[in-house]
C-alpha atoms as a PDB file:
ATOM      1  CA  MET A   1       0.000   0.000   0.000  1.00  0.00           C
ATOM      2  CA  ILE A   2       2.664   2.543   0.978  1.00  0.00           C
ATOM      3  CA  ALA A   3       5.511   3.430  -1.353  1.00  0.00           C
ATOM      4  CA  TYR A   4       8.192   3.317   1.327  1.00  0.00           C
ATOM      5  CA  ASN A   5       9.988   0.233   2.607  1.00  0.00           C
ATOM      6  CA  GLU A   6       7.901  -0.990   5.540  1.00  0.00           C
ATOM      7  CA  LEU A   7      10.852  -2.529   7.414  1.00  0.00           C
ATOM      8  CA  LYS A   8      12.871   0.702   7.288  1.00  0.00           C
ATOM      9  CA  PHE A   9       9.790   2.726   8.186  1.00  0.00           C
ATOM     10  CA  SER A  10       8.978   0.471  11.145  1.00  0.00           C
ATOM     11  CA  ASN A  11      12.554   0.667  12.435  1.00  0.00           C
ATOM     12  CA  LEU A  12      12.470   4.444  12.169  1.00  0.00           C
ATOM     13  CA  LEU A  13       9.252   4.635  14.204  1.00  0.00           C
ATOM     14  CA  LEU A  14      10.718   2.248  16.789  1.00  0.00           C
ATOM     15  CA  LEU A  15      13.925   4.249  17.183  1.00  0.00           C
ATOM     16  CA  ASP A  16      11.975   7.496  17.477  1.00  0.00           C
ATOM     17  CA  GLN A  17       9.921   5.974  20.282  1.00  0.00           C
ATOM     18  CA  LEU A  18      13.040   4.680  22.042  1.00  0.00           C
ATOM     19  CA  LYS A  19      14.631   8.126  21.860  1.00  0.00           C
ATOM     20  CA  ARG A  20      11.557   9.599  23.532  1.00  0.00           C
ATOM     21  CA  TRP A  21      11.854   6.985  26.289  1.00  0.00           C
ATOM     22  CA  LYS A  22      15.531   7.873  26.710  1.00  0.00           C
ATOM     23  CA  ARG A  23      14.716  11.561  27.115  1.00  0.00           C
ATOM     24  CA  ALA A  24      12.105  10.591  29.701  1.00  0.00           C
ATOM     25  CA  GLY A  25      14.697   8.541  31.600  1.00  0.00           C
ATOM     26  CA  LEU A  26      13.063   5.189  30.859  1.00  0.00           C
ATOM     27  CA  LEU A  27      15.962   3.873  28.752  1.00  0.00           C
ATOM     28  CA  ASP A  28      19.729   4.260  29.084  1.00  0.00           C
ATOM     29  CA  ALA A  29      22.088   5.245  26.254  1.00  0.00           C
ATOM     30  CA  ALA A  30      23.795   1.828  26.105  1.00  0.00           C
ATOM     31  CA  MET A  31      20.509   0.012  25.537  1.00  0.00           C
ATOM     32  CA  LEU A  32      19.467   2.524  22.895  1.00  0.00           C
ATOM     33  CA  SER A  33      22.758   2.111  21.047  1.00  0.00           C
ATOM     34  CA  ALA A  34      22.484  -1.677  21.138  1.00  0.00           C
ATOM     35  CA  ILE A  35      18.975  -1.593  19.675  1.00  0.00           C
ATOM     36  CA  ALA A  36      20.005   0.998  17.087  1.00  0.00           C
ATOM     37  CA  ILE A  37      22.749  -1.345  15.847  1.00  0.00           C
ATOM     38  CA  GLN A  38      20.222  -4.180  15.462  1.00  0.00           C
ATOM     39  CA  LYS A  39      17.770  -1.865  13.676  1.00  0.00           C
ATOM     40  CA  SER A  40      20.353  -0.205  11.467  1.00  0.00           C
ATOM     41  CA  GLU A  41      18.280  -0.784   8.315  1.00  0.00           C
ATOM     42  CA  THR A  42      16.180   2.314   8.647  1.00  0.00           C
ATOM     43  CA  TYR A  43      15.404   5.664   7.072  1.00  0.00           C
ATOM     44  CA  LYS A  44      17.219   8.757   8.281  1.00  0.00           C
ATOM     45  CA  HIS A  45      15.663  12.071   9.291  1.00  0.00           C
ATOM     46  CA  THR A  46      16.731  14.962   7.065  1.00  0.00           C
ATOM     47  CA  ASN A  47      17.678  18.282   8.621  1.00  0.00           C
ATOM     48  CA  ILE A  48      14.696  20.619   8.243  1.00  0.00           C
ATOM     49  CA  PHE A  49      16.715  23.429   6.631  1.00  0.00           C
ATOM     50  CA  LEU A  50      18.370  21.029   4.206  1.00  0.00           C
ATOM     51  CA  ARG A  51      14.966  19.537   3.417  1.00  0.00           C
ATOM     52  CA  ILE A  52      13.499  22.966   2.645  1.00  0.00           C
ATOM     53  CA  GLY A  53      16.469  23.866   0.441  1.00  0.00           C
ATOM     54  CA  VAL A  54      16.299  20.605  -1.500  1.00  0.00           C
ATOM     55  CA  PHE A  55      12.523  20.991  -1.833  1.00  0.00           C
ATOM     56  CA  ILE A  56      12.850  24.476  -3.341  1.00  0.00           C
ATOM     57  CA  LEU A  57      15.625  23.369  -5.681  1.00  0.00           C
ATOM     58  CA  THR A  58      13.664  20.338  -6.864  1.00  0.00           C
ATOM     59  CA  MET A  59      10.570  22.451  -7.493  1.00  0.00           C
ATOM     60  CA  ILE A  60      12.598  24.961  -9.510  1.00  0.00           C
ATOM     61  CA  LEU A  61      14.126  22.166 -11.594  1.00  0.00           C
ATOM     62  CA  SER A  62      10.717  20.530 -12.115  1.00  0.00           C
ATOM     63  CA  TRP A  63       9.096  23.751 -13.293  1.00  0.00           C
ATOM     64  CA  SER A  64      12.115  24.541 -15.476  1.00  0.00           C
ATOM     65  CA  ILE A  65      12.004  21.145 -17.196  1.00  0.00           C
ATOM     66  CA  THR A  66       8.263  21.477 -17.756  1.00  0.00           C
ATOM     67  CA  GLY A  67       8.551  25.043 -19.023  1.00  0.00           C
ATOM     68  CA  ILE A  68      11.350  24.191 -21.473  1.00  0.00           C
ATOM     69  CA  ALA A  69       9.375  21.217 -22.774  1.00  0.00           C
ATOM     70  CA  PHE A  70       6.317  23.421 -23.300  1.00  0.00           C
ATOM     71  CA  LEU A  71       8.437  25.838 -25.363  1.00  0.00           C
ATOM     72  CA  PHE A  72       9.522  23.068 -27.745  1.00  0.00           C
ATOM     73  CA  PHE A  73       6.001  21.895 -28.548  1.00  0.00           C
ATOM     74  CA  ASP A  74       3.162  23.753 -30.181  1.00  0.00           C
ATOM     75  CA  LEU A  75       0.456  23.648 -27.511  1.00  0.00           C
ATOM     76  CA  ASP A  76      -2.306  25.419 -29.419  1.00  0.00           C
ATOM     77  CA  SER A  77      -5.390  24.273 -27.501  1.00  0.00           C
ATOM     78  CA  GLU A  78      -6.579  23.845 -23.937  1.00  0.00           C
ATOM     79  CA  ILE A  79      -7.022  20.105 -24.378  1.00  0.00           C
ATOM     80  CA  VAL A  80      -3.422  19.660 -25.534  1.00  0.00           C
ATOM     81  CA  ILE A  81      -2.165  21.723 -22.600  1.00  0.00           C
ATOM     82  CA  GLY A  82      -4.246  19.617 -20.221  1.00  0.00           C
ATOM     83  CA  VAL A  83      -2.926  16.360 -21.674  1.00  0.00           C
ATOM     84  CA  ALA A  84       0.629  17.695 -21.423  1.00  0.00           C
ATOM     85  CA  MET A  85       0.092  18.598 -17.749  1.00  0.00           C
ATOM     86  CA  ILE A  86      -1.197  15.088 -17.039  1.00  0.00           C
ATOM     87  CA  PHE A  87       1.785  13.590 -18.880  1.00  0.00           C
ATOM     88  CA  PHE A  88       4.304  15.584 -16.866  1.00  0.00           C
ATOM     89  CA  GLY A  89       2.410  14.812 -13.679  1.00  0.00           C
ATOM     90  CA  LEU A  90       2.722  11.107 -14.401  1.00  0.00           C
ATOM     91  CA  LEU A  91       6.349  11.530 -15.484  1.00  0.00           C
ATOM     92  CA  PHE A  92       7.350  13.186 -12.221  1.00  0.00           C
ATOM     93  CA  GLY A  93       5.263  10.622 -10.356  1.00  0.00           C
ATOM     94  CA  ALA A  94       7.418   7.921 -11.951  1.00  0.00           C
ATOM     95  CA  ALA A  95      10.511   9.887 -10.924  1.00  0.00           C
ATOM     96  CA  LEU A  96       9.154   9.969  -7.385  1.00  0.00           C
ATOM     97  CA  GLU A  97       8.791   6.187  -7.335  1.00  0.00           C
ATOM     98  CA  PHE A  98      12.358   5.848  -8.651  1.00  0.00           C
ATOM     99  CA  PHE A  99      13.849   8.048  -5.923  1.00  0.00           C
ATOM    100  CA  ILE A 100      11.914   6.209  -3.221  1.00  0.00           C
ATOM    101  CA  ARG A 101      12.752   2.694  -4.403  1.00  0.00           C
ATOM    102  CA  LYS A 102      16.298   3.161  -5.722  1.00  0.00           C
ATOM    103  CA  LYS A 103      17.608   6.110  -3.706  1.00  0.00           C
ATOM    104  CA  SER A 104      15.705   5.468  -0.446  1.00  0.00           C
ATOM    105  CA  ALA A 105      14.367   9.018  -0.419  1.00  0.00           C
ATOM    106  CA  PHE A 106      12.248   9.638   2.668  1.00  0.00           C
ATOM    107  CA  CYS A 107      11.044  13.125   3.584  1.00  0.00           C
ATOM    108  CA  SER A 108      14.235  14.435   2.023  1.00  0.00           C
ATOM    109  CA  GLY A 109      12.762  17.323   0.091  1.00  0.00           C
ATOM    110  CA  VAL A 110      13.137  15.581  -3.248  1.00  0.00           C
ATOM    111  CA  ASP A 111      10.233  13.197  -2.724  1.00  0.00           C
ATOM    112  CA  ASP A 112       8.098  15.978  -1.230  1.00  0.00           C
ATOM    113  CA  ALA A 113       8.606  18.267  -4.225  1.00  0.00           C
ATOM    114  CA  LEU A 114       8.059  15.517  -6.797  1.00  0.00           C
ATOM    115  CA  LEU A 115       4.898  14.398  -5.009  1.00  0.00           C
ATOM    116  CA  TYR A 116       3.353  17.872  -4.895  1.00  0.00           C
ATOM    117  CA  PHE A 117       4.414  18.709  -8.439  1.00  0.00           C
ATOM    118  CA  SER A 118       3.019  15.433  -9.773  1.00  0.00           C
ATOM    119  CA  ALA A 119      -0.297  15.833  -7.930  1.00  0.00           C
ATOM    120  CA  THR A 120      -0.650  19.430  -9.090  1.00  0.00           C
ATOM    121  CA  GLY A 121       0.055  18.551 -12.707  1.00  0.00           C
ATOM    122  CA  ILE A 122      -2.448  15.692 -12.778  1.00  0.00           C
ATOM    123  CA  ILE A 123      -5.206  17.680 -11.065  1.00  0.00           C
ATOM    124  CA  VAL A 124      -4.744  20.780 -13.225  1.00  0.00           C
ATOM    125  CA  GLY A 125      -4.478  18.670 -16.359  1.00  0.00           C
ATOM    126  CA  ILE A 126      -7.691  16.756 -15.690  1.00  0.00           C
ATOM    127  CA  ALA A 127      -9.517  19.983 -14.823  1.00  0.00           C
ATOM    128  CA  ILE A 128      -8.413  21.505 -18.140  1.00  0.00           C
ATOM    129  CA  VAL A 129      -9.168  18.421 -20.261  1.00  0.00           C
ATOM    130  CA  PHE A 130     -12.685  18.037 -18.883  1.00  0.00           C
ATOM    131  CA  GLN A 131     -13.152  21.827 -18.666  1.00  0.00           C
ATOM    132  CA  LEU A 132     -14.493  21.678 -15.133  1.00  0.00           C
ATOM    133  CA  TYR A 133     -14.224  25.447 -14.839  1.00  0.00           C
ATOM    134  CA  LYS A 134     -16.982  25.795 -17.450  1.00  0.00           C
ATOM    135  CA  THR A 135     -19.551  23.718 -15.546  1.00  0.00           C
ATOM    136  CA  ASN A 136     -22.464  25.219 -13.640  1.00  0.00           C
ATOM    137  CA  SER A 137     -20.781  24.406 -10.321  1.00  0.00           C
ATOM    138  CA  PRO A 138     -17.001  24.480 -10.872  1.00  0.00           C
ATOM    139  CA  GLU A 139     -16.218  24.675  -7.147  1.00  0.00           C
ATOM    140  CA  LEU A 140     -18.023  21.399  -6.512  1.00  0.00           C
ATOM    141  CA  TYR A 141     -16.400  19.487  -9.372  1.00  0.00           C
ATOM    142  CA  HIS A 142     -12.946  20.819  -8.569  1.00  0.00           C
ATOM    143  CA  SER A 143     -13.399  19.761  -4.940  1.00  0.00           C
ATOM    144  CA  ILE A 144     -14.419  16.257  -6.009  1.00  0.00           C
ATOM    145  CA  LEU A 145     -11.415  16.027  -8.333  1.00  0.00           C
ATOM    146  CA  ILE A 146      -8.992  17.200  -5.637  1.00  0.00           C
ATOM    147  CA  CYS A 147     -10.474  14.762  -3.137  1.00  0.00           C
ATOM    148  CA  LEU A 148     -10.230  11.793  -5.518  1.00  0.00           C
ATOM    149  CA  ALA A 149      -6.687  12.688  -6.563  1.00  0.00           C
ATOM    150  CA  LEU A 150      -5.151  13.534  -3.198  1.00  0.00           C
ATOM    151  CA  MET A 151      -6.614  10.757  -1.035  1.00  0.00           C
ATOM    152  CA  PRO A 152      -4.782   7.903  -2.801  1.00  0.00           C
ATOM    153  CA  ALA A 153      -1.590   9.991  -2.903  1.00  0.00           C
ATOM    154  CA  ALA A 154      -1.794  10.744   0.828  1.00  0.00           C
ATOM    155  CA  ILE A 155      -2.327   7.054   1.593  1.00  0.00           C
ATOM    156  CA  ARG A 156       0.478   5.791  -0.621  1.00  0.00           C
ATOM    157  CA  TYR A 157       3.081   8.372   0.358  1.00  0.00           C
ATOM    158  CA  VAL A 158       1.986   8.884   3.989  1.00  0.00           C
ATOM    159  CA  ASP A 159       1.923  12.645   3.503  1.00  0.00           C
ATOM    160  CA  ARG A 160       0.401  14.807   6.231  1.00  0.00           C
ATOM    161  CA  PHE A 161      -0.084  17.861   4.042  1.00  0.00           C
ATOM    162  CA  LEU A 162      -1.961  15.941   1.337  1.00  0.00           C
ATOM    163  CA  ALA A 163      -4.031  14.229   4.028  1.00  0.00           C
ATOM    164  CA  LEU A 164      -5.011  17.646   5.383  1.00  0.00           C
ATOM    165  CA  LEU A 165      -5.866  18.943   1.913  1.00  0.00           C
ATOM    166  CA  SER A 166      -7.962  15.816   1.292  1.00  0.00           C
ATOM    167  CA  TYR A 167      -9.878  16.473   4.507  1.00  0.00           C
ATOM    168  CA  ILE A 168     -10.546  20.067   3.455  1.00  0.00           C
ATOM    169  CA  ALA A 169     -11.615  18.874  -0.002  1.00  0.00           C
ATOM    170  CA  VAL A 170     -14.160  16.479   1.536  1.00  0.00           C
ATOM    171  CA  PHE A 171     -15.783  19.351   3.405  1.00  0.00           C
ATOM    172  CA  CYS A 172     -15.689  21.506   0.289  1.00  0.00           C
ATOM    173  CA  VAL A 173     -17.585  18.795  -1.589  1.00  0.00           C
ATOM    174  CA  PHE A 174     -20.415  19.004   0.949  1.00  0.00           C
ATOM    175  CA  PHE A 175     -20.192  22.778   1.363  1.00  0.00           C
ATOM    176  CA  PHE A 176     -20.568  23.337  -2.381  1.00  0.00           C
ATOM    177  CA  GLY A 177     -22.638  20.223  -3.026  1.00  0.00           C
ATOM    178  CA  ILE A 178     -25.492  20.615  -0.546  1.00  0.00           C
ATOM    179  CA  PRO A 179     -26.762  23.875  -2.080  1.00  0.00           C
ATOM    180  CA  HIS A 180     -26.275  22.390  -5.540  1.00  0.00           C
ATOM    181  CA  TRP A 181     -28.253  19.246  -4.700  1.00  0.00           C
ATOM    182  CA  PHE A 182     -30.883  20.475  -2.232  1.00  0.00           C
ATOM    183  CA  GLY A 183     -31.200  24.198  -2.810  1.00  0.00           C
ATOM    184  CA  MET A 184     -30.100  27.336  -1.008  1.00  0.00           C
ATOM    185  CA  ASN A 185     -32.682  27.468   1.761  1.00  0.00           C
ATOM    186  CA  ILE A 186     -32.017  23.933   2.971  1.00  0.00           C
ATOM    187  CA  ALA A 187     -28.260  24.492   2.691  1.00  0.00           C
ATOM    188  CA  LYS A 188     -28.372  27.575   4.945  1.00  0.00           C
ATOM    189  CA  LEU A 189     -30.354  25.606   7.515  1.00  0.00           C
ATOM    190  CA  VAL A 190     -28.395  22.339   7.670  1.00  0.00           C
ATOM    191  CA  LEU A 191     -24.792  23.308   6.893  1.00  0.00           C
ATOM    192  CA  PRO A 192     -23.756  24.277  10.462  1.00  0.00           C
ATOM    193  CA  PHE A 193     -25.244  21.142  12.010  1.00  0.00           C
ATOM    194  CA  PHE A 194     -23.987  18.919   9.215  1.00  0.00           C
ATOM    195  CA  THR A 195     -20.477  20.344   9.596  1.00  0.00           C
ATOM    196  CA  MET A 196     -20.442  19.669  13.336  1.00  0.00           C
ATOM    197  CA  ALA A 197     -21.859  16.143  12.953  1.00  0.00           C
ATOM    198  CA  LEU A 198     -19.382  15.242  10.220  1.00  0.00           C
ATOM    199  CA  SER A 199     -16.466  16.734  12.159  1.00  0.00           C
ATOM    200  CA  ILE A 200     -17.154  14.837  15.371  1.00  0.00           C
ATOM    201  CA  SER A 201     -17.666  11.635  13.373  1.00  0.00           C
ATOM    202  CA  PHE A 202     -14.313  12.097  11.671  1.00  0.00           C
ATOM    203  CA  TYR A 203     -12.614  12.924  14.965  1.00  0.00           C
ATOM    204  CA  MET A 204     -13.886   9.730  16.591  1.00  0.00           C
ATOM    205  CA  LEU A 205     -12.832   7.725  13.533  1.00  0.00           C
ATOM    206  CA  PHE A 206      -9.333   9.227  13.463  1.00  0.00           C
ATOM    207  CA  ALA A 207      -8.899   8.705  17.218  1.00  0.00           C
ATOM    208  CA  ARG A 208      -9.832   5.034  16.809  1.00  0.00           C
ATOM    209  CA  TRP A 209      -7.516   4.568  13.838  1.00  0.00           C
ATOM    210  CA  GLN A 210      -4.553   6.005  15.769  1.00  0.00           C
ATOM    211  CA  LYS A 211      -4.751   3.014  18.116  1.00  0.00           C
ATOM    212  CA  ARG A 212      -4.583   0.423  15.344  1.00  0.00           C
ATOM    213  CA  PHE A 213      -1.171  -1.145  14.871  1.00  0.00           C
ATOM    214  CA  GLU A 214      -1.596  -1.712  11.142  1.00  0.00           C
ATOM    215  CA  LEU A 215      -2.060   2.049  10.718  1.00  0.00           C
ATOM    216  CA  ARG A 216       1.074   2.970  12.674  1.00  0.00           C
ATOM    217  CA  PHE A 217       2.662   4.551   9.603  1.00  0.00           C
ATOM    218  CA  TYR A 218      -0.188   7.064   9.467  1.00  0.00           C
ATOM    219  CA  LYS A 219       0.073   8.177  13.090  1.00  0.00           C
ATOM    220  CA  HIS A 220       1.166  11.728  12.274  1.00  0.00           C
ATOM    221  CA  CYS A 221      -1.317  12.014   9.409  1.00  0.00           C
ATOM    222  CA  LEU A 222      -4.147  10.972  11.701  1.00  0.00           C
ATOM    223  CA  MET A 223      -2.952  13.404  14.359  1.00  0.00           C
ATOM    224  CA  TRP A 224      -3.110  16.280  11.888  1.00  0.00           C
ATOM    225  CA  LEU A 225      -6.545  15.120  10.746  1.00  0.00           C
ATOM    226  CA  SER A 226      -7.748  15.000  14.354  1.00  0.00           C
ATOM    227  CA  TYR A 227      -6.696  18.617  14.837  1.00  0.00           C
ATOM    228  CA  ALA A 228      -8.435  19.518  11.580  1.00  0.00           C
ATOM    229  CA  ALA A 229     -11.611  17.772  12.755  1.00  0.00           C
ATOM    230  CA  LEU A 230     -11.590  19.781  15.987  1.00  0.00           C
ATOM    231  CA  PHE A 231     -11.104  22.992  14.047  1.00  0.00           C
ATOM    232  CA  SER A 232     -13.913  22.207  11.590  1.00  0.00           C
ATOM    233  CA  PHE A 233     -16.193  21.319  14.515  1.00  0.00           C
ATOM    234  CA  TYR A 234     -15.446  24.703  16.048  1.00  0.00           C
ATOM    235  CA  ALA A 235     -15.985  26.444  12.706  1.00  0.00           C
ATOM    236  CA  GLY A 236     -19.275  24.613  12.205  1.00  0.00           C
ATOM    237  CA  GLY A 237     -20.510  25.727  15.604  1.00  0.00           C
ATOM    238  CA  ASN A 238     -19.270  29.271  15.287  1.00  0.00           C
ATOM    239  CA  TYR A 239     -22.196  31.340  14.148  1.00  0.00           C
ATOM    240  CA  TYR A 240     -20.131  34.108  12.598  1.00  0.00           C
ATOM    241  CA  VAL A 241     -17.939  31.807  10.504  1.00  0.00           C
ATOM    242  CA  VAL A 242     -20.866  29.791   9.189  1.00  0.00           C
ATOM    243  CA  ARG A 243     -22.997  32.836   8.548  1.00  0.00           C
ATOM    244  CA  GLU A 244     -20.296  34.727   6.682  1.00  0.00           C
ATOM    245  CA  LEU A 245     -19.061  31.805   4.588  1.00  0.00           C
ATOM    246  CA  SER A 246     -22.452  30.340   3.746  1.00  0.00           C
ATOM    247  CA  THR A 247     -24.112  33.691   3.064  1.00  0.00           C
ATOM    248  CA  SER A 248     -21.315  35.006   0.851  1.00  0.00           C
ATOM    249  CA  TYR A 249     -21.160  31.812  -1.189  1.00  0.00           C
ATOM    250  CA  LEU A 250     -24.844  30.935  -1.305  1.00  0.00           C
ATOM    251  CA  ASP A 251     -25.914  34.470  -2.165  1.00  0.00           C
ATOM    252  CA  ARG A 252     -23.330  34.568  -4.952  1.00  0.00           C
ATOM    253  CA  LYS A 253     -24.593  31.185  -6.131  1.00  0.00           C
ATOM    254  CA  SER A 254     -28.197  32.430  -6.178  1.00  0.00           C
ATOM    255  CA  THR A 255     -27.164  35.443  -8.214  1.00  0.00           C
ATOM    256  CA  ARG A 256     -25.367  33.231 -10.704  1.00  0.00           C
ATOM    257  CA  LEU A 257     -28.390  30.966 -11.102  1.00  0.00           C
END
């Protein structure tokens, strides 16, 4: 399911836990060193500043390669541009798989940049090819597309940021979909309560999943999602937030229709 080596990932999680026990005084340095030698086949944490620098550099190179390729080809229609974006999204997705499998890239900046660039290219390309921006409810269809594209990516690459964006996209689907499906009056009435009910349901689900051993690789993703669920619950219950967001969007939607 995940793209990373499960043995190396498991050893990394184990060593991180042991280091926390050492800081708490529950484990001595000699024992930690002995276990670290036995679990030497593991991923390494990348320095945060190095990771940011490599991420920026990889993004610049990715955009440069894409831009140069676009200059060499005659992209004279929206459909061709969309297909080209999908192609480069898949191409950089293949590069991502190569760096993970052959170079053992793990949160190094390279895999992060390739993942985000690939996801962006595929999403933008599909939106252009199917001309979602010309539909009667572009916000809804774009939200559905983002949700369907980012969820599998977040699961495969255990990415917290994509998991958070997927969560936001799910709520956007309902926020834009309820007025589209049931009308404006019903949407204004049920959106706050629906948001709170969905948020608390997600929070309980994420809290339960964090305790499951088979989902140990997604611990940090689920933690971020739990925080997001609490925030969306608060936003759903906050009268001002719901009133301002729903009124501004729904009134604009009524004017458009």
